[in-house]
Amino acid sequence: MEFQQPQSEFDATKFPNTIAASEPSPLLRLSSSPQIKEKWWWQVGSQIPVFLAQLPDYLGKLFNEYKQPSISVALILAAIITLRVVLAIIDALNDIPLLATTCRGDKEAIIQTG
């Protein structure tokens, strides 16, 4: 049984649609042209104001299409924010010495001082 070693060279005749590595790609030649880059930036720059002008319409359609889930998410976020504000107020009140709750486990210390 003889062991055959794989070919180390690529045979381009087997694959006629391939491009040799030494040939520069036409896309690379076109993309390196400064005129095409400038034209591309001009096209992108002209599309941005059009998109921003249509953004309120897009958002209105999105809200109308997903009205119920949007309201649910807004209510959940409002509840979380409200809970955090209430907890912050309670923590702030707890830092004031006259309004702070007394420690009930330390009765002996209160009796000894009083």
Protein backbone atom coordinates (compact mmCIF):
# COMPACT_ATOMS: atom_id res chain seq x y z
CA MET A 1 0.00 0.00 0.00
CA GLU A 2 1.56 3.22 -1.12
CA PHE A 3 0.96 6.52 0.66
CA GLN A 4 0.44 9.52 -1.61
CA GLN A 5 1.51 12.95 -0.50
CA PRO A 6 -0.90 15.80 -1.24
CA GLN A 7 0.07 18.23 -3.95
CA SER A 8 1.73 21.35 -2.59
CA GLU A 9 0.95 23.55 -5.60
CA PHE A 10 -2.45 24.83 -6.62
CA ASP A 11 -3.45 23.78 -10.12
CA ALA A 12 -5.36 26.69 -11.65
CA THR A 13 -6.33 24.66 -14.70
CA LYS A 14 -8.75 22.59 -12.61
CA PHE A 15 -10.60 25.73 -11.52
CA PRO A 16 -10.96 28.09 -14.50
CA ASN A 17 -13.09 30.68 -12.62
CA THR A 18 -10.49 31.39 -9.96
CA ILE A 19 -8.32 34.50 -9.93
CA ALA A 20 -4.62 34.11 -9.39
CA ALA A 21 -3.24 35.79 -6.30
CA SER A 22 -0.86 37.95 -8.30
CA GLU A 23 -3.69 39.64 -10.21
CA PRO A 24 -5.11 42.70 -8.45
CA SER A 25 -8.82 42.55 -7.85
CA PRO A 26 -10.93 45.05 -9.83
CA LEU A 27 -12.84 45.92 -6.66
CA LEU A 28 -9.63 46.84 -4.90
CA ARG A 29 -8.64 49.09 -7.75
CA LEU A 30 -12.03 50.83 -7.76
CA SER A 31 -12.25 51.26 -4.00
CA SER A 32 -8.84 52.87 -3.82
CA SER A 33 -9.87 55.62 -6.21
CA PRO A 34 -10.35 58.94 -4.34
CA GLN A 35 -13.19 59.97 -6.67
CA ILE A 36 -15.24 56.89 -5.80
CA LYS A 37 -14.60 57.35 -2.09
CA GLU A 38 -15.73 60.96 -2.32
CA LYS A 39 -18.83 59.96 -4.28
CA TRP A 40 -19.64 57.28 -1.71
CA TRP A 41 -19.31 59.78 1.17
CA TRP A 42 -21.48 62.22 -0.76
CA GLN A 43 -24.20 59.58 -1.17
CA VAL A 44 -24.07 58.63 2.51
CA GLY A 45 -24.09 62.29 3.53
CA SER A 46 -27.13 62.99 1.37
CA GLN A 47 -29.06 60.03 2.82
CA ILE A 48 -28.63 61.09 6.46
CA PRO A 49 -30.92 64.18 6.33
CA VAL A 50 -33.55 62.16 4.45
CA PHE A 51 -33.48 59.49 7.15
CA LEU A 52 -33.65 62.08 9.94
CA ALA A 53 -36.59 63.79 8.23
CA GLN A 54 -38.48 60.49 8.06
CA LEU A 55 -37.55 59.38 11.59
CA PRO A 56 -40.69 60.80 13.30
CA ASP A 57 -42.87 58.90 10.81
CA TYR A 58 -40.92 55.70 11.43
CA LEU A 59 -41.23 56.09 15.20
CA GLY A 60 -44.96 56.88 14.94
CA LYS A 61 -45.58 53.77 12.86
CA LEU A 62 -43.49 51.69 15.25
CA PHE A 63 -45.41 52.98 18.28
CA ASN A 64 -48.79 52.42 16.60
CA GLU A 65 -47.81 48.90 15.59
CA TYR A 66 -46.49 47.97 19.05
CA LYS A 67 -48.69 50.19 21.21
CA GLN A 68 -49.60 47.67 23.92
CA PRO A 69 -46.07 46.25 24.44
CA SER A 70 -44.64 49.78 24.47
CA ILE A 71 -47.03 50.86 27.20
CA SER A 72 -46.24 47.73 29.22
CA VAL A 73 -42.49 48.34 29.00
CA ALA A 74 -42.97 52.01 29.94
CA LEU A 75 -45.06 51.06 32.98
CA ILE A 76 -42.49 48.50 34.13
CA LEU A 77 -39.69 51.06 33.80
CA ALA A 78 -41.76 53.67 35.66
CA ALA A 79 -42.41 51.18 38.47
CA ILE A 80 -38.71 50.37 38.78
CA ILE A 81 -37.76 54.06 38.86
CA THR A 82 -40.47 54.81 41.44
CA LEU A 83 -39.31 51.95 43.65
CA ARG A 84 -35.70 53.14 43.50
CA VAL A 85 -36.71 56.71 44.40
CA VAL A 86 -38.82 55.52 47.35
CA LEU A 87 -35.95 53.35 48.61
CA ALA A 88 -33.54 56.28 48.27
CA ILE A 89 -35.89 58.52 50.28
CA ILE A 90 -36.26 55.87 52.99
CA ASP A 91 -32.48 55.47 53.14
CA ALA A 92 -32.03 59.24 53.41
CA LEU A 93 -34.57 59.42 56.25
CA ASN A 94 -32.87 56.53 57.98
CA ASP A 95 -29.60 58.50 58.03
CA ILE A 96 -31.17 61.27 60.14
CA PRO A 97 -30.49 60.34 63.81
CA LEU A 98 -33.80 61.51 65.27
CA LEU A 99 -35.84 59.61 62.67
CA ALA A 100 -33.67 56.48 62.54
CA THR A 101 -35.12 53.27 63.89
CA THR A 102 -33.66 52.10 67.21
CA CYS A 103 -31.83 48.83 67.52
CA ARG A 104 -34.10 46.51 69.53
CA GLY A 105 -31.44 43.85 70.08
CA ASP A 106 -29.30 46.17 72.22
CA LYS A 107 -31.70 46.64 75.21
CA GLU A 108 -28.97 46.22 77.81
CA ALA A 109 -26.97 49.15 76.42
CA ILE A 110 -30.04 51.37 76.59
CA ILE A 111 -30.80 50.33 80.19
CA GLN A 112 -27.19 50.93 81.33
CA THR A 113 -27.02 54.43 79.86
CA GLY A 114 -30.45 55.47 80.97
